[in-house]
């Protein structure tokens, strides 16, 4: 993981409330390796499968396949949204967007969660219709087409496996594809059962189980992306631990205005006022803080302000 650049601004003011300000931005990317090829391959594979599955469903009269094709189409759109956000996040900052477009990855995560919820609603709607009005289903067609879907969706999910723990956007793409593979597996099981029993109700029953599993996974994605959208402290980072570390530093009397927030799905920022009556301890002191925040607390963009007197607050 390479280091970027550091900006140090030291400003002194005299008088009875003399204090120093020190802003240190330790800037570098926490993003995992470039997943552009993974997005491209996933979009091509899944778009092709959507066309094949919809055509097979139309020719065989299988509404289950057509509904699943619609679900897969929503996932193709989700991949496109995530890819566009990943590209936007790499664009440089501007005078208007001083953080660049990094937070677009958070918007993409929220959009992916919403698309999953829409897909769940579509599957439920189709399932309840099939329960109310059972129709004959060609089990063998379901098995063959869904088996292809398992292969394609599993391959696509594996493309995002490596980055799913580090980037909520990549996690969303992985979850979409894993859910699709699960749906396809359920369709295969339903198709085999229908072939041997001739009972069409098996198809909607299996669909309900699949929806429950997808909903469980979607809930976490929606919850985490909503927290990021509200600038909550990212998962895996303890504000209490960060405060304790800063407060225990030599010369620090108190820690004020501590804020930790996500800049994107992979990068975290921090700002804090350290009240130090003896004054500014020097650049090495702040460089060490940056290093510890980066390597022990996963915070790569920090702004530290040194105050000699307490009570200045946000008006300094």
Protein backbone atom coordinates (compact mmCIF):
# COMPACT_ATOMS: atom_id res chain seq x y z
CA UNK A 1 0.00 0.00 0.00
CA UNK A 2 1.74 3.15 -1.17
CA UNK A 3 1.88 6.50 0.57
CA UNK A 4 0.59 9.61 -1.10
CA UNK A 5 1.41 13.10 0.12
CA UNK A 6 1.21 15.13 3.31
CA UNK A 7 0.25 18.79 3.71
CA UNK A 8 1.34 20.54 6.90
CA UNK A 9 0.01 23.97 7.84
CA UNK A 10 1.27 25.47 11.08
CA UNK A 11 -0.34 28.71 12.19
CA UNK A 12 0.51 30.60 15.42
CA UNK A 13 -1.50 33.34 17.06
CA UNK A 14 -0.40 35.42 20.02
CA UNK A 15 -2.34 36.69 23.00
CA UNK A 16 -3.77 35.07 26.08
CA UNK A 17 -5.50 32.37 24.01
CA UNK A 18 -2.48 31.53 21.89
CA UNK A 19 -2.72 28.15 20.21
CA UNK A 20 -1.52 26.40 17.08
CA UNK A 21 -3.37 24.74 14.25
CA UNK A 22 -1.91 21.79 12.44
CA UNK A 23 -3.74 20.08 9.59
CA UNK A 24 -2.22 16.90 8.35
CA UNK A 25 -3.79 15.02 5.47
CA UNK A 26 -2.27 11.65 4.92
CA UNK A 27 -3.76 10.85 1.53
CA UNK A 28 -3.71 7.53 -0.21
CA UNK A 29 -6.18 4.99 -1.45
CA UNK A 30 -7.43 2.03 0.52
CA UNK A 31 -9.30 0.70 -2.46
CA UNK A 32 -8.66 -2.89 -3.48
CA UNK A 33 -7.20 -3.75 -6.85
CA UNK A 34 -8.96 -2.44 -9.94
CA UNK A 35 -12.14 -4.44 -10.57
CA UNK A 36 -12.89 -2.85 -13.95
CA UNK A 37 -12.30 -6.11 -15.82
CA UNK A 38 -14.45 -8.00 -13.31
CA UNK A 39 -17.35 -5.58 -13.87
CA UNK A 40 -16.95 -5.79 -17.66
CA UNK A 41 -16.84 -9.59 -17.73
CA UNK A 42 -19.77 -9.82 -15.33
CA UNK A 43 -21.90 -7.42 -17.35
CA UNK A 44 -21.20 -9.22 -20.65
CA UNK A 45 -21.80 -12.71 -19.25
CA UNK A 46 -24.99 -11.79 -17.42
CA UNK A 47 -26.46 -9.71 -20.24
CA UNK A 48 -26.01 -12.68 -22.57
CA UNK A 49 -27.63 -15.00 -20.04
CA UNK A 50 -30.60 -12.66 -19.54
CA UNK A 51 -31.33 -12.83 -23.27
CA UNK A 52 -31.01 -16.64 -23.37
CA UNK A 53 -33.09 -17.18 -20.22
CA UNK A 54 -35.87 -14.83 -21.31
CA UNK A 55 -36.03 -16.50 -24.72
CA UNK A 56 -36.10 -19.98 -23.16
CA UNK A 57 -38.84 -18.91 -20.76
CA UNK A 58 -40.89 -17.44 -23.57
CA UNK A 59 -40.60 -20.55 -25.78
CA UNK A 60 -41.25 -23.02 -22.94
CA UNK A 61 -44.02 -21.01 -21.32
CA UNK A 62 -42.09 -20.88 -18.05
CA UNK A 63 -42.93 -17.69 -16.19
CA UNK A 64 -40.39 -18.72 -13.54
CA UNK A 65 -37.56 -18.42 -16.06
CA UNK A 66 -38.89 -15.12 -17.36
CA UNK A 67 -39.15 -13.76 -13.80
CA UNK A 68 -35.62 -14.94 -13.05
CA UNK A 69 -34.44 -13.24 -16.25
CA UNK A 70 -35.94 -10.01 -14.93
CA UNK A 71 -34.12 -10.53 -11.65
CA UNK A 72 -30.85 -11.07 -13.51
CA UNK A 73 -31.48 -7.92 -15.54
CA UNK A 74 -31.73 -5.89 -12.32
CA UNK A 75 -28.35 -7.33 -11.34
CA UNK A 76 -26.82 -6.29 -14.65
CA UNK A 77 -28.04 -2.77 -13.96
CA UNK A 78 -26.55 -3.00 -10.46
CA UNK A 79 -23.18 -4.01 -11.90
CA UNK A 80 -23.28 -1.07 -14.30
CA UNK A 81 -24.11 1.35 -11.45
CA UNK A 82 -21.27 -0.04 -9.30
CA UNK A 83 -18.79 0.13 -12.19
CA UNK A 84 -19.68 3.73 -13.04
CA UNK A 85 -19.26 4.66 -9.36
CA UNK A 86 -15.86 2.95 -9.20
CA UNK A 87 -14.73 4.96 -12.24
CA UNK A 88 -16.12 8.22 -10.81
CA UNK A 89 -14.31 7.60 -7.51
CA UNK A 90 -10.96 7.78 -9.34
CA UNK A 91 -11.61 11.23 -10.80
CA UNK A 92 -9.54 14.02 -9.23
CA UNK A 93 -10.95 16.57 -6.80
CA UNK A 94 -12.20 19.90 -8.10
CA UNK A 95 -12.83 23.34 -6.60
CA UNK A 96 -16.48 22.35 -6.15
CA UNK A 97 -16.03 18.68 -5.22
CA UNK A 98 -13.03 18.90 -2.93
CA UNK A 99 -13.16 15.19 -2.06
CA UNK A 100 -13.56 14.26 -5.71
CA UNK A 101 -16.37 11.80 -6.45
CA UNK A 102 -15.37 9.14 -3.93
CA UNK A 103 -18.74 9.20 -2.18
CA UNK A 104 -20.41 8.06 -5.42
CA UNK A 105 -19.45 4.54 -4.31
CA UNK A 106 -21.70 5.01 -1.26
CA UNK A 107 -24.56 6.12 -3.51
CA UNK A 108 -23.96 3.05 -5.68
CA UNK A 109 -24.13 0.77 -2.62
CA UNK A 110 -27.45 2.35 -1.65
CA UNK A 111 -28.72 1.94 -5.21
CA UNK A 112 -27.66 -1.71 -5.29
CA UNK A 113 -29.53 -2.39 -2.06
CA UNK A 114 -32.61 -0.71 -3.53
CA UNK A 115 -32.36 -2.76 -6.73
CA UNK A 116 -32.14 -5.96 -4.70
CA UNK A 117 -35.28 -4.96 -2.81
CA UNK A 118 -37.07 -4.29 -6.11
CA UNK A 119 -35.96 -7.69 -7.41
CA UNK A 120 -37.24 -9.35 -4.24
CA UNK A 121 -40.58 -7.62 -4.72
CA UNK A 122 -40.80 -8.78 -8.35
CA UNK A 123 -40.03 -12.39 -7.40
CA UNK A 124 -42.62 -12.31 -4.59
CA UNK A 125 -45.25 -10.88 -6.94
CA UNK A 126 -44.62 -13.61 -9.51
CA UNK A 127 -44.52 -16.30 -6.82
CA UNK A 128 -47.89 -15.35 -5.34
CA UNK A 129 -49.39 -15.25 -8.83
CA UNK A 130 -48.18 -18.78 -9.50
CA UNK A 131 -49.57 -19.95 -6.15
CA UNK A 132 -52.96 -18.45 -7.00
CA UNK A 133 -52.94 -19.71 -10.60
CA UNK A 134 -50.74 -22.81 -11.00
CA UNK A 135 -49.57 -23.42 -14.57
CA UNK A 136 -47.76 -26.38 -16.14
CA UNK A 137 -43.99 -26.02 -16.13
CA UNK A 138 -41.40 -27.71 -18.35
CA UNK A 139 -39.11 -29.04 -15.67
CA UNK A 140 -36.28 -30.09 -18.01
CA UNK A 141 -36.05 -26.62 -19.57
CA UNK A 142 -35.84 -25.13 -16.08
CA UNK A 143 -33.02 -27.49 -15.12
CA UNK A 144 -30.92 -26.87 -18.24
CA UNK A 145 -31.24 -23.08 -18.33
CA UNK A 146 -30.87 -22.65 -14.57
CA UNK A 147 -27.76 -24.87 -14.57
CA UNK A 148 -26.16 -22.49 -17.06
CA UNK A 149 -27.16 -19.66 -14.75
CA UNK A 150 -25.39 -21.31 -11.80
CA UNK A 151 -22.14 -21.50 -13.76
CA UNK A 152 -22.29 -17.92 -15.05
CA UNK A 153 -23.32 -16.35 -11.74
CA UNK A 154 -20.77 -18.35 -9.75
CA UNK A 155 -17.97 -17.29 -12.10
CA UNK A 156 -19.06 -13.65 -11.80
CA UNK A 157 -19.34 -13.83 -8.00
CA UNK A 158 -15.82 -15.28 -7.77
CA UNK A 159 -14.51 -12.27 -9.71
CA UNK A 160 -15.57 -10.07 -6.76
CA UNK A 161 -14.71 -12.49 -3.95
CA UNK A 162 -11.31 -10.95 -3.23
CA UNK A 163 -12.56 -7.40 -2.62
CA UNK A 164 -15.88 -8.01 -0.87
CA UNK A 165 -14.46 -7.51 2.65
CA UNK A 166 -12.79 -4.18 1.83
CA UNK A 167 -15.34 -2.36 -0.31
CA UNK A 168 -19.10 -2.23 0.30
CA UNK A 169 -19.64 -1.61 -3.41
CA UNK A 170 -17.72 -4.76 -4.35
CA UNK A 171 -19.56 -6.60 -1.58
CA UNK A 172 -22.84 -5.50 -3.17
CA UNK A 173 -21.77 -6.83 -6.58
CA UNK A 174 -20.68 -10.12 -4.98
CA UNK A 175 -23.99 -10.39 -3.12
CA UNK A 176 -25.98 -9.82 -6.31
CA UNK A 177 -24.14 -12.57 -8.16
CA UNK A 178 -24.16 -15.01 -5.23
CA UNK A 179 -27.89 -14.44 -4.83
CA UNK A 180 -28.38 -15.11 -8.55
CA UNK A 181 -26.45 -18.39 -8.29
CA UNK A 182 -28.65 -19.34 -5.34
CA UNK A 183 -31.80 -18.50 -7.29
CA UNK A 184 -30.60 -20.62 -10.22
CA UNK A 185 -29.84 -23.51 -7.88
CA UNK A 186 -33.33 -23.27 -6.45
CA UNK A 187 -34.79 -23.33 -9.96
CA UNK A 188 -32.77 -26.48 -10.76
CA UNK A 189 -34.01 -28.21 -7.60
CA UNK A 190 -37.57 -27.19 -8.38
CA UNK A 191 -37.22 -28.37 -11.97
CA UNK A 192 -35.92 -31.81 -10.93
CA UNK A 193 -38.71 -32.17 -8.36
CA UNK A 194 -41.34 -31.21 -10.95
CA UNK A 195 -39.92 -33.76 -13.43
CA UNK A 196 -40.28 -36.59 -10.89
CA UNK A 197 -43.55 -35.54 -9.22
CA UNK A 198 -45.38 -33.43 -11.78
CA UNK A 199 -46.37 -31.00 -8.99
CA UNK A 200 -46.22 -27.40 -10.25
CA UNK A 201 -46.64 -25.91 -6.76
CA UNK A 202 -43.03 -26.87 -6.01
CA UNK A 203 -41.78 -23.98 -8.15
CA UNK A 204 -43.38 -21.12 -6.12
CA UNK A 205 -42.60 -22.90 -2.83
CA UNK A 206 -38.89 -22.99 -3.64
CA UNK A 207 -39.09 -19.36 -4.78
CA UNK A 208 -40.31 -18.29 -1.33
CA UNK A 209 -37.32 -19.98 0.32
CA UNK A 210 -34.96 -18.26 -2.11
CA UNK A 211 -36.55 -14.86 -1.43
CA UNK A 212 -36.05 -15.35 2.32
CA UNK A 213 -32.35 -16.09 1.83
CA UNK A 214 -31.81 -13.10 -0.51
CA UNK A 215 -33.69 -10.79 1.88
CA UNK A 216 -31.41 -11.82 4.76
CA UNK A 217 -28.30 -10.85 2.77
CA UNK A 218 -29.85 -7.67 1.38
CA UNK A 219 -30.73 -6.38 4.85
CA UNK A 220 -27.07 -6.12 5.85
CA UNK A 221 -26.09 -4.38 2.61
CA UNK A 222 -28.95 -1.89 2.95
CA UNK A 223 -28.17 -1.22 6.62
CA UNK A 224 -24.42 -0.72 6.06
CA UNK A 225 -24.85 1.49 2.98
CA UNK A 226 -27.47 3.64 4.75
CA UNK A 227 -25.10 4.14 7.69
CA UNK A 228 -22.39 5.24 5.28
CA UNK A 229 -24.79 7.62 3.59
CA UNK A 230 -25.44 9.20 7.00
CA UNK A 231 -21.65 9.48 7.61
CA UNK A 232 -21.64 7.04 10.54
CA UNK A 233 -18.31 5.74 11.81
CA UNK A 234 -17.48 2.86 9.42
CA UNK A 235 -17.81 -0.74 10.57
CA UNK A 236 -14.60 -2.11 12.04
CA UNK A 237 -13.47 1.28 13.39
CA UNK A 238 -13.98 2.10 17.08
CA UNK A 239 -14.34 5.80 17.84
CA UNK A 240 -13.78 5.00 21.52
CA UNK A 241 -10.48 3.27 20.74
CA UNK A 242 -9.35 6.20 18.56
CA UNK A 243 -10.29 8.71 21.27
CA UNK A 244 -8.46 6.67 23.93
CA UNK A 245 -5.35 6.53 21.73
CA UNK A 246 -5.34 10.29 21.10
CA UNK A 247 -6.10 11.16 24.73
CA UNK A 248 -3.22 8.97 25.96
CA UNK A 249 -0.62 10.78 23.83
CA UNK A 250 2.00 12.68 25.87
CA UNK A 251 1.05 16.32 26.44
CA UNK A 252 -2.61 15.87 25.43
CA UNK A 253 -5.01 17.21 28.06
CA UNK A 254 -8.22 16.43 26.17
CA UNK A 255 -9.63 15.49 22.77
CA UNK A 256 -12.36 17.73 21.31
CA UNK A 257 -14.48 17.69 18.14
CA UNK A 258 -13.51 14.15 17.15
CA UNK A 259 -15.24 13.11 13.94
CA UNK A 260 -14.74 9.93 11.90
CA UNK A 261 -16.65 9.46 8.65
CA UNK A 262 -16.51 7.50 5.38
CA UNK A 263 -15.25 9.36 2.31
CA UNK A 264 -16.14 6.37 0.16
CA UNK A 265 -16.79 2.66 0.62
CA UNK A 266 -13.04 2.14 1.12
CA UNK A 267 -11.63 5.39 2.57
CA UNK A 268 -12.15 6.95 5.99
CA UNK A 269 -11.45 10.47 7.23
CA UNK A 270 -10.90 11.92 10.71
CA UNK A 271 -10.73 15.39 12.24
CA UNK A 272 -9.94 16.22 15.86
CA UNK A 273 -8.74 18.99 18.18
CA UNK A 274 -6.02 18.01 20.65
CA UNK A 275 -5.79 20.35 23.65
CA UNK A 276 -2.07 20.57 24.51
CA UNK A 277 -1.24 23.34 27.04
CA UNK A 278 2.49 23.11 26.30
CA UNK A 279 1.92 23.89 22.64
CA UNK A 280 2.74 22.25 19.33
CA UNK A 281 5.07 19.23 19.88
CA UNK A 282 6.43 19.17 16.31
CA UNK A 283 5.87 17.47 12.97
CA UNK A 284 7.26 14.09 14.07
CA UNK A 285 4.52 13.87 16.70
CA UNK A 286 1.82 14.34 14.06
CA UNK A 287 3.51 12.02 11.57
CA UNK A 288 3.42 9.26 14.17
CA UNK A 289 -0.30 9.92 14.81
CA UNK A 290 -0.98 9.59 11.08
CA UNK A 291 0.93 6.32 10.91
CA UNK A 292 -0.90 4.78 13.88
CA UNK A 293 -4.32 5.93 12.65
CA UNK A 294 -3.54 4.43 9.25
CA UNK A 295 -2.09 1.07 10.24
CA UNK A 296 -3.95 0.34 13.47
CA UNK A 297 -7.31 2.07 12.95
CA UNK A 298 -7.68 2.02 9.12
CA UNK A 299 -8.06 5.82 8.89
CA UNK A 300 -6.05 7.23 6.00
CA UNK A 301 -7.14 10.88 5.85
CA UNK A 302 -6.66 12.72 9.14
CA UNK A 303 -6.81 16.40 10.13
CA UNK A 304 -5.36 17.15 13.55
CA UNK A 305 -5.60 20.61 15.12
CA UNK A 306 -3.48 21.50 18.16
CA UNK A 307 -5.07 23.84 20.74
CA UNK A 308 -3.22 25.34 23.70
CA UNK A 309 -6.41 26.42 25.45
CA UNK A 310 -9.67 24.54 25.84
CA UNK A 311 -13.08 25.81 24.84
CA UNK A 312 -12.24 27.08 21.37
CA UNK A 313 -14.55 24.51 19.78
CA UNK A 314 -15.51 24.68 16.15
CA UNK A 315 -15.05 28.45 15.94
CA UNK A 316 -11.24 28.34 15.84
